C-alpha atoms as a PDB file:
ATOM      1  CA  UNK A   1     -51.018 -96.657 -84.351  1.00  0.00           C
ATOM      2  CA  UNK A   2     -52.597-100.096 -82.817  1.00  0.00           C
ATOM      3  CA  UNK A   3     -51.511-101.814 -79.980  1.00  0.00           C
ATOM      4  CA  UNK A   4     -51.806-105.700 -80.785  1.00  0.00           C
ATOM      5  CA  UNK A   5     -50.654-107.245 -84.237  1.00  0.00           C
ATOM      6  CA  UNK A   6     -52.946-109.339 -86.536  1.00  0.00           C
ATOM      7  CA  UNK A   7     -52.501-113.560 -85.037  1.00  0.00           C
ATOM      8  CA  UNK A   8     -51.231-111.919 -81.730  1.00  0.00           C
ATOM      9  CA  UNK A   9     -53.266-113.840 -79.039  1.00  0.00           C
ATOM     10  CA  UNK A  10     -55.082-111.082 -76.009  1.00  0.00           C
ATOM     11  CA  UNK A  11     -56.799-111.914 -72.431  1.00  0.00           C
ATOM     12  CA  UNK A  12     -60.302-109.635 -72.698  1.00  0.00           C
ATOM     13  CA  UNK A  13     -60.077-107.788 -69.262  1.00  0.00           C
ATOM     14  CA  UNK A  14     -63.382-108.386 -68.474  1.00  0.00           C
ATOM     15  CA  UNK A  15     -63.570-112.316 -69.486  1.00  0.00           C
ATOM     16  CA  UNK A  16     -60.436-113.059 -68.381  1.00  0.00           C
ATOM     17  CA  UNK A  17     -60.330-115.300 -71.882  1.00  0.00           C
ATOM     18  CA  UNK A  18     -58.278-115.539 -74.537  1.00  0.00           C
ATOM     19  CA  UNK A  19     -58.078-115.537 -77.749  1.00  0.00           C
ATOM     20  CA  UNK A  20     -56.280-114.849 -80.872  1.00  0.00           C
ATOM     21  CA  UNK A  21     -57.159-111.440 -83.316  1.00  0.00           C
ATOM     22  CA  UNK A  22     -58.410-111.586 -86.519  1.00  0.00           C
ATOM     23  CA  UNK A  23     -59.256-108.258 -87.516  1.00  0.00           C
ATOM     24  CA  UNK A  24     -58.509-104.696 -86.081  1.00  0.00           C
ATOM     25  CA  UNK A  25     -60.287-101.294 -86.694  1.00  0.00           C
ATOM     26  CA  UNK A  26     -58.703 -97.405 -86.568  1.00  0.00           C
ATOM     27  CA  UNK A  27     -61.173 -94.908 -86.164  1.00  0.00           C
ATOM     28  CA  UNK A  28     -61.360 -90.350 -86.324  1.00  0.00           C
ATOM     29  CA  UNK A  29     -62.770 -90.743 -82.950  1.00  0.00           C
ATOM     30  CA  UNK A  30     -62.916 -94.008 -81.618  1.00  0.00           C
ATOM     31  CA  UNK A  31     -60.110 -96.406 -79.899  1.00  0.00           C
ATOM     32  CA  UNK A  32     -58.615 -98.720 -82.138  1.00  0.00           C
ATOM     33  CA  UNK A  33     -60.973-101.920 -82.099  1.00  0.00           C
ATOM     34  CA  UNK A  34     -59.627-105.598 -82.571  1.00  0.00           C
ATOM     35  CA  UNK A  35     -62.191-109.077 -83.929  1.00  0.00           C
ATOM     36  CA  UNK A  36     -61.230-111.548 -81.723  1.00  0.00           C
ATOM     37  CA  UNK A  37     -61.482-114.865 -82.026  1.00  0.00           C
ATOM     38  CA  UNK A  38     -61.786-116.804 -78.987  1.00  0.00           C
ATOM     39  CA  UNK A  39     -63.544-119.963 -76.860  1.00  0.00           C
ATOM     40  CA  UNK A  40     -66.399-118.194 -74.101  1.00  0.00           C
ATOM     41  CA  UNK A  41     -66.405-119.590 -70.813  1.00  0.00           C
ATOM     42  CA  UNK A  42     -69.056-121.872 -72.388  1.00  0.00           C
ATOM     43  CA  UNK A  43     -67.236-123.444 -74.901  1.00  0.00           C
ATOM     44  CA  UNK A  44     -68.923-121.943 -77.435  1.00  0.00           C
ATOM     45  CA  UNK A  45     -66.274-120.527 -80.567  1.00  0.00           C
ATOM     46  CA  UNK A  46     -67.048-116.925 -80.601  1.00  0.00           C
ATOM     47  CA  UNK A  47     -65.670-113.859 -82.189  1.00  0.00           C
ATOM     48  CA  UNK A  48     -67.017-110.585 -81.664  1.00  0.00           C
ATOM     49  CA  UNK A  49     -65.688-106.740 -81.695  1.00  0.00           C
ATOM     50  CA  UNK A  50     -63.161-105.557 -79.055  1.00  0.00           C
ATOM     51  CA  UNK A  51     -62.046-101.650 -78.057  1.00  0.00           C
ATOM     52  CA  UNK A  52     -59.109-101.477 -76.517  1.00  0.00           C
ATOM     53  CA  UNK A  53     -58.724-100.543 -73.295  1.00  0.00           C
ATOM     54  CA  UNK A  54     -60.484-104.365 -73.081  1.00  0.00           C
ATOM     55  CA  UNK A  55     -57.366-105.870 -74.222  1.00  0.00           C
ATOM     56  CA  UNK A  56     -54.524-107.666 -73.107  1.00  0.00           C
ATOM     57  CA  UNK A  57     -51.385-108.682 -74.612  1.00  0.00           C
ATOM     58  CA  UNK A  58     -50.921-112.681 -73.788  1.00  0.00           C
ATOM     59  CA  UNK A  59     -46.757-112.707 -72.020  1.00  0.00           C
ATOM     60  CA  UNK A  60     -45.012-115.899 -71.953  1.00  0.00           C
ATOM     61  CA  UNK A  61     -44.415-116.925 -68.577  1.00  0.00           C
ATOM     62  CA  UNK A  62     -41.085-118.496 -69.997  1.00  0.00           C
ATOM     63  CA  UNK A  63     -39.574-115.065 -71.870  1.00  0.00           C
ATOM     64  CA  UNK A  64     -41.502-112.094 -69.590  1.00  0.00           C
ATOM     65  CA  UNK A  65     -43.168-109.003 -72.024  1.00  0.00           C
ATOM     66  CA  UNK A  66     -43.027-110.977 -74.723  1.00  0.00           C
ATOM     67  CA  UNK A  67     -46.033-111.600 -77.014  1.00  0.00           C
ATOM     68  CA  UNK A  68     -47.501-114.669 -77.962  1.00  0.00           C
ATOM     69  CA  UNK A  69     -48.834-114.937 -81.901  1.00  0.00           C
ATOM     70  CA  UNK A  70     -50.912-117.729 -82.350  1.00  0.00           C
ATOM     71  CA  UNK A  71     -49.917-121.370 -84.284  1.00  0.00           C
ATOM     72  CA  UNK A  72     -49.448-122.092 -87.553  1.00  0.00           C
ATOM     73  CA  UNK A  73     -47.941-124.927 -89.676  1.00  0.00           C
ATOM     74  CA  UNK A  74     -44.707-124.742 -90.089  1.00  0.00           C
ATOM     75  CA  UNK A  75     -43.159-125.561 -93.209  1.00  0.00           C
ATOM     76  CA  UNK A  76     -41.477-129.253 -94.507  1.00  0.00           C
ATOM     77  CA  UNK A  77     -37.856-129.194 -92.283  1.00  0.00           C
ATOM     78  CA  UNK A  78     -38.708-126.179 -90.166  1.00  0.00           C
ATOM     79  CA  UNK A  79     -37.414-126.146 -86.946  1.00  0.00           C
ATOM     80  CA  UNK A  80     -38.704-124.413 -83.677  1.00  0.00           C
ATOM     81  CA  UNK A  81     -35.510-124.547 -80.711  1.00  0.00           C
ATOM     82  CA  UNK A  82     -35.737-123.379 -77.370  1.00  0.00           C
END
């Protein structure tokens, strides 16, 4: 069972950088891993694998406990409401 969903935004605990989950893998003898695309502290776009224990979910301050997902282009006529 995975803790994070695809396209979910996560924080990389060691560096406090954040990015989008692009892939994930489960193993028989190791914790789950996630392929995260993120902006490094020096401004470079990076992608790397991280263990589940190295990540935390980004949360919306307006809605505590709710996960945040990467934005996508909405279909014509679609409206987002608060």
